[in-house]
Amino acid sequence: MARYKKEHPDYICIYGNVNDTTEEKTTKGSIKIIQYDGVEIHHYIGLELLRLILGENTETIIEFVKKTIDEYMRNTMMDV
């Protein structure tokens, strides 16, 4: 990633983790700047990564996914 950033200095390189070490940290999310091999790498974690990807629709999409999973689980349990 550092090599790519050096070759393309106008780009922002982003390293992302969907989950952090705890649910609380994941829900809060964070953005850190890492200096590696002389370049900046942006590290997006948890909710901040999802906000970057999903934009203003983040909360709506998360709620839709949660609801869909809950309905699937209820339907799956009824089949057992």
C-alpha atoms as a PDB file:
ATOM      1  CA  MET A   1       0.000   0.000   0.000  1.00  0.00           C
ATOM      2  CA  ALA A   2       2.855   2.364   0.818  1.00  0.00           C
ATOM      3  CA  ARG A   3       4.457   1.663  -2.545  1.00  0.00           C
ATOM      4  CA  TYR A   4       1.174   2.430  -4.330  1.00  0.00           C
ATOM      5  CA  LYS A   5       0.822   5.677  -2.372  1.00  0.00           C
ATOM      6  CA  LYS A   6       4.361   6.704  -3.341  1.00  0.00           C
ATOM      7  CA  GLU A   7       3.585   5.988  -6.996  1.00  0.00           C
ATOM      8  CA  HIS A   8       0.234   7.830  -6.811  1.00  0.00           C
ATOM      9  CA  PRO A   9       0.677  10.689  -4.311  1.00  0.00           C
ATOM     10  CA  ASP A  10      -2.672  12.299  -5.207  1.00  0.00           C
ATOM     11  CA  TYR A  11      -4.587   9.250  -3.909  1.00  0.00           C
ATOM     12  CA  ILE A  12      -5.619   8.595  -0.324  1.00  0.00           C
ATOM     13  CA  CYS A  13      -4.801   5.048   0.764  1.00  0.00           C
ATOM     14  CA  ILE A  14      -7.327   3.579   3.166  1.00  0.00           C
ATOM     15  CA  TYR A  15      -6.836   0.518   5.328  1.00  0.00           C
ATOM     16  CA  GLY A  16     -10.154  -0.610   6.783  1.00  0.00           C
ATOM     17  CA  ASN A  17     -11.342  -2.947   9.523  1.00  0.00           C
ATOM     18  CA  VAL A  18     -15.056  -3.645   9.886  1.00  0.00           C
ATOM     19  CA  ASN A  19     -14.644  -4.783  13.507  1.00  0.00           C
ATOM     20  CA  ASP A  20     -12.531  -3.433  16.343  1.00  0.00           C
ATOM     21  CA  THR A  21     -11.476  -5.325  19.477  1.00  0.00           C
ATOM     22  CA  THR A  22     -14.820  -4.745  21.231  1.00  0.00           C
ATOM     23  CA  GLU A  23     -18.405  -4.132  20.164  1.00  0.00           C
ATOM     24  CA  GLU A  24     -18.286  -0.704  21.820  1.00  0.00           C
ATOM     25  CA  LYS A  25     -15.189   0.329  19.860  1.00  0.00           C
ATOM     26  CA  THR A  26     -16.699  -1.034  16.636  1.00  0.00           C
ATOM     27  CA  THR A  27     -19.912   0.920  17.174  1.00  0.00           C
ATOM     28  CA  LYS A  28     -18.037   4.109  18.005  1.00  0.00           C
ATOM     29  CA  GLY A  29     -15.597   3.684  15.124  1.00  0.00           C
ATOM     30  CA  SER A  30     -12.384   5.588  14.598  1.00  0.00           C
ATOM     31  CA  ILE A  31     -10.126   7.104  11.991  1.00  0.00           C
ATOM     32  CA  LYS A  32      -6.379   7.063  12.487  1.00  0.00           C
ATOM     33  CA  ILE A  33      -3.522   8.246  10.322  1.00  0.00           C
ATOM     34  CA  ILE A  34      -0.637   5.792  10.142  1.00  0.00           C
ATOM     35  CA  GLN A  35       2.789   6.887   8.980  1.00  0.00           C
ATOM     36  CA  TYR A  36       4.370   3.944   7.162  1.00  0.00           C
ATOM     37  CA  ASP A  37       7.466   3.989   5.007  1.00  0.00           C
ATOM     38  CA  GLY A  38       7.235   7.751   4.634  1.00  0.00           C
ATOM     39  CA  VAL A  39       3.584   7.950   3.565  1.00  0.00           C
ATOM     40  CA  GLU A  40       0.212   8.440   5.233  1.00  0.00           C
ATOM     41  CA  ILE A  41      -2.234   5.544   5.373  1.00  0.00           C
ATOM     42  CA  HIS A  42      -5.741   6.311   6.646  1.00  0.00           C
ATOM     43  CA  HIS A  43      -7.038   3.582   8.966  1.00  0.00           C
ATOM     44  CA  TYR A  44     -10.838   3.490   9.199  1.00  0.00           C
ATOM     45  CA  ILE A  45     -12.336   1.184  11.820  1.00  0.00           C
ATOM     46  CA  GLY A  46     -15.899   0.082  12.584  1.00  0.00           C
ATOM     47  CA  LEU A  47     -18.733   2.491  11.986  1.00  0.00           C
ATOM     48  CA  GLU A  48     -16.391   5.083  10.475  1.00  0.00           C
ATOM     49  CA  LEU A  49     -15.481   2.624   7.706  1.00  0.00           C
ATOM     50  CA  LEU A  50     -19.145   1.920   7.033  1.00  0.00           C
ATOM     51  CA  ARG A  51     -19.889   5.655   6.944  1.00  0.00           C
ATOM     52  CA  LEU A  52     -17.102   6.129   4.419  1.00  0.00           C
ATOM     53  CA  ILE A  53     -18.506   3.375   2.191  1.00  0.00           C
ATOM     54  CA  LEU A  54     -22.252   3.882   2.661  1.00  0.00           C
ATOM     55  CA  GLY A  55     -22.386   7.649   3.142  1.00  0.00           C
ATOM     56  CA  GLU A  56     -25.553   9.297   4.364  1.00  0.00           C
ATOM     57  CA  ASN A  57     -27.478   6.022   4.049  1.00  0.00           C
ATOM     58  CA  THR A  58     -25.357   4.203   6.649  1.00  0.00           C
ATOM     59  CA  GLU A  59     -27.941   4.015   9.441  1.00  0.00           C
ATOM     60  CA  THR A  60     -30.771   3.057   7.066  1.00  0.00           C
ATOM     61  CA  ILE A  61     -28.721   0.263   5.513  1.00  0.00           C
ATOM     62  CA  ILE A  62     -27.566  -1.061   8.900  1.00  0.00           C
ATOM     63  CA  GLU A  63     -31.140  -1.172  10.177  1.00  0.00           C
ATOM     64  CA  PHE A  64     -32.296  -2.930   6.993  1.00  0.00           C
ATOM     65  CA  VAL A  65     -29.561  -5.572   7.324  1.00  0.00           C
ATOM     66  CA  LYS A  66     -30.335  -6.137  11.023  1.00  0.00           C
ATOM     67  CA  LYS A  67     -34.064  -6.494  10.281  1.00  0.00           C
ATOM     68  CA  THR A  68     -33.385  -8.884   7.391  1.00  0.00           C
ATOM     69  CA  ILE A  69     -31.114 -11.061   9.538  1.00  0.00           C
ATOM     70  CA  ASP A  70     -33.650 -11.105  12.389  1.00  0.00           C
ATOM     71  CA  GLU A  71     -36.439 -12.156  10.020  1.00  0.00           C
ATOM     72  CA  TYR A  72     -34.241 -14.843   8.460  1.00  0.00           C
ATOM     73  CA  MET A  73     -33.314 -16.210  11.881  1.00  0.00           C
ATOM     74  CA  ARG A  74     -36.956 -16.273  13.010  1.00  0.00           C
ATOM     75  CA  ASN A  75     -37.985 -18.092   9.829  1.00  0.00           C
ATOM     76  CA  THR A  76     -35.079 -20.524  10.080  1.00  0.00           C
ATOM     77  CA  MET A  77     -35.892 -21.363  13.706  1.00  0.00           C
ATOM     78  CA  MET A  78     -39.512 -22.043  12.776  1.00  0.00           C
ATOM     79  CA  ASP A  79     -38.347 -24.669  10.267  1.00  0.00           C
ATOM     80  CA  VAL A  80     -36.476 -26.648  12.935  1.00  0.00           C
END
